Amino acid sequence: MKRLITSMVLIASVALASVGVGATAAEAGAPGYTRQGLYGWPDQCAGIGYVGQQNHQWTSYYCETITATNWNAPGLYALWVI
């Protein structure tokens, strides 16, 4: 019985761990863009996009507002790059 439980736990953990293996980069509505990251502030998103462009990591970028920043909390901004 102990062996059965151990093997079932092992199989379940392998199955759960392999869920993210086939994941691909998120794609934006604009063709060719991929999401580089998520940030809490618009200037942080724009700053990282600008520095990456200056360092030739990508040729173009834009920040998508998912949730706007307010007085009490940061928002959520996605940086899309090509």
Protein backbone atom coordinates (compact mmCIF):
# COMPACT_ATOMS: atom_id res chain seq x y z
CA MET A 1 0.00 0.00 0.00
CA LYS A 2 2.85 2.36 0.85
CA ARG A 3 4.43 1.69 -2.54
CA LEU A 4 1.18 2.49 -4.35
CA ILE A 5 0.79 5.83 -2.56
CA THR A 6 4.42 6.72 -3.20
CA SER A 7 4.14 5.94 -6.91
CA MET A 8 0.88 7.90 -7.19
CA VAL A 9 2.45 10.94 -5.53
CA LEU A 10 5.47 10.69 -7.84
CA ILE A 11 3.29 10.44 -10.95
CA ALA A 12 1.16 13.40 -9.84
CA SER A 13 4.22 15.56 -9.15
CA VAL A 14 5.75 14.75 -12.56
CA ALA A 15 2.45 15.51 -14.27
CA LEU A 16 2.13 18.86 -12.50
CA ALA A 17 5.74 19.79 -13.18
CA SER A 18 5.44 19.06 -16.89
CA VAL A 19 2.44 21.36 -17.40
CA GLY A 20 4.65 24.42 -17.96
CA VAL A 21 7.22 22.69 -20.16
CA GLY A 22 5.34 23.25 -23.41
CA ALA A 23 4.53 26.88 -22.68
CA THR A 24 5.49 29.41 -25.31
CA ALA A 25 5.97 33.17 -25.14
CA ALA A 26 2.78 35.20 -25.07
CA GLU A 27 1.94 37.01 -28.27
CA ALA A 28 0.43 40.48 -28.48
CA GLY A 29 -2.28 41.63 -30.81
CA ALA A 30 0.38 43.24 -32.98
CA PRO A 31 2.08 40.63 -35.17
CA GLY A 32 5.62 39.70 -34.21
CA TYR A 33 5.58 41.16 -30.69
CA THR A 34 6.29 39.00 -27.65
CA ARG A 35 5.77 39.89 -24.01
CA GLN A 36 9.05 40.64 -22.27
CA GLY A 37 7.68 41.20 -18.79
CA LEU A 38 5.08 42.66 -16.44
CA TYR A 39 5.71 45.79 -14.39
CA GLY A 40 3.88 47.74 -11.70
CA TRP A 41 4.53 51.28 -12.92
CA PRO A 42 4.28 52.84 -16.40
CA ASP A 43 7.64 54.61 -16.15
CA GLN A 44 9.30 51.33 -15.15
CA CYS A 45 7.84 49.58 -18.20
CA ALA A 46 8.82 52.42 -20.55
CA GLY A 47 12.29 52.73 -19.02
CA ILE A 48 13.10 49.05 -19.46
CA GLY A 49 11.72 49.15 -22.99
CA TYR A 50 13.85 52.18 -23.86
CA VAL A 51 17.06 50.74 -22.35
CA GLY A 52 16.52 47.45 -24.19
CA GLN A 53 16.07 49.32 -27.44
CA GLN A 54 19.22 51.39 -26.84
CA ASN A 55 21.18 48.20 -26.06
CA HIS A 56 19.91 46.57 -29.29
CA GLN A 57 18.03 43.83 -27.42
CA TRP A 58 14.93 44.66 -29.47
CA THR A 59 14.10 47.09 -32.24
CA SER A 60 10.73 48.32 -30.99
CA TYR A 61 8.61 48.17 -27.84
CA TYR A 62 5.35 49.34 -26.34
CA CYS A 63 3.70 49.17 -22.93
CA GLU A 64 0.17 47.85 -22.61
CA THR A 65 -1.87 49.05 -19.63
CA ILE A 66 -3.60 46.06 -18.06
CA THR A 67 -4.54 47.77 -14.79
CA ALA A 68 -3.87 51.46 -14.33
CA THR A 69 -1.89 52.76 -11.37
CA ASN A 70 -3.86 54.59 -8.68
CA TRP A 71 -3.00 56.55 -5.52
CA ASN A 72 -3.00 53.44 -3.33
CA ALA A 73 -1.32 50.74 -5.39
CA PRO A 74 0.76 50.03 -8.47
CA GLY A 75 -0.95 48.89 -11.62
CA LEU A 76 0.00 46.22 -14.14
CA TYR A 77 1.80 47.03 -17.37
CA ALA A 78 2.98 44.55 -20.00
CA LEU A 79 6.10 45.31 -22.05
CA TRP A 80 5.84 43.99 -25.60
CA VAL A 81 8.96 43.88 -27.76
CA ILE A 82 10.00 42.96 -31.27
